[in-house]
Amino acid sequence: MNFLRAMIKPFGGALGWLLRPVGVLAMLLLSIPWVGRPLSWLWGLLLSVPSLLGGLVEGLFWLVGLRGEKTMRVGVIILRDEGGEPLDDPEKVIHGLQRAAEIFFENARVRLLPAWPHESERYGVEDLFERTDGWVKTNPEHSRAGVLDVNCKNPALREDLGTTGGEYAFLQNSLDPRGAVRRLFGWGAPMTVFMVRSIKGFWGCSLGPLNDYVTVVGGQSQCIAHELGHACSLWHSHDKANLMHPRGCGGEEMRWWQVWMLRASRHVSYF
């Protein structure tokens, strides 16, 4: 698999530069409240279909003991409150990313990669603490209360269709323009974790396959793995040891079908 990555890298880089303006423009249009946001939902669901079909084919290889390493690109954006104070410390967030990286690789052979690697350099979880700039960014601007204090479940759906979801999508693509092409075509679409001030009744929230971002309360970075699981279509489990148990974000285990769904997500790819 590393050989294939090396073979396509020159072509993928050139094609990425050509498609990047298209991807950025498309993602900006999909960030428009009440107009682009519903289209973004629909597009995300449509992109999930070929990924799931590919997962079915991959499942056949599992039967003969073949499970290649896949990757998921993740970046964390720490928001600032109205006074300009960051809502979390990058060094503390890194510990949450480290935990997520260990859970996904040990259970599913999915390796976390940074959303913003320096000069397109490919580096991974072993460099988390040395290369924090690739994994975590602090928004240079302060945010309004409607972005800092959000909801989950049905109220979050309404917020995502409006200005709150539009601001998240705009910020995601303005700070990560290179990821726009992958988000547009659904080929290993990068995930963004927004560290917010509060989520009513929760430590984190995800709208599943509808979005390319999740929200986590500042200081609760241990919930990053759980919310990324939701973004990859995993639902809650009653098993306290399971990653998707809804209380405390303390579980680390995954069932075989959870592994299959994670690897079949449009956020996870071989390249």
Foldseek 3Di string as FASTA:
>chain_A
DVVVCVVCVVVVVVVLVVCLVVLLVLLLQLLAALHNVVVLLVLLVVLLVVLLVVLVVVVVVVVVPDADAKEFEEAEEFAAAPVRHTQADLQVLLVLVLLLQVLCCVAQNYFYWFLADPPPDTDGNVCSNVCSVRHYHYPRDHDYPDQQEEEADPRNVNCLNGNNVSVVSNVVCVVRSSLSVCSNNLALRHAYEYAHQYYVPAQWYDPASSDRYIYGHHPLSNCVNLRVLRNLVDAADCDPQDCRDRPDSNHRHDDPVSSSSNCSGSNMHRD
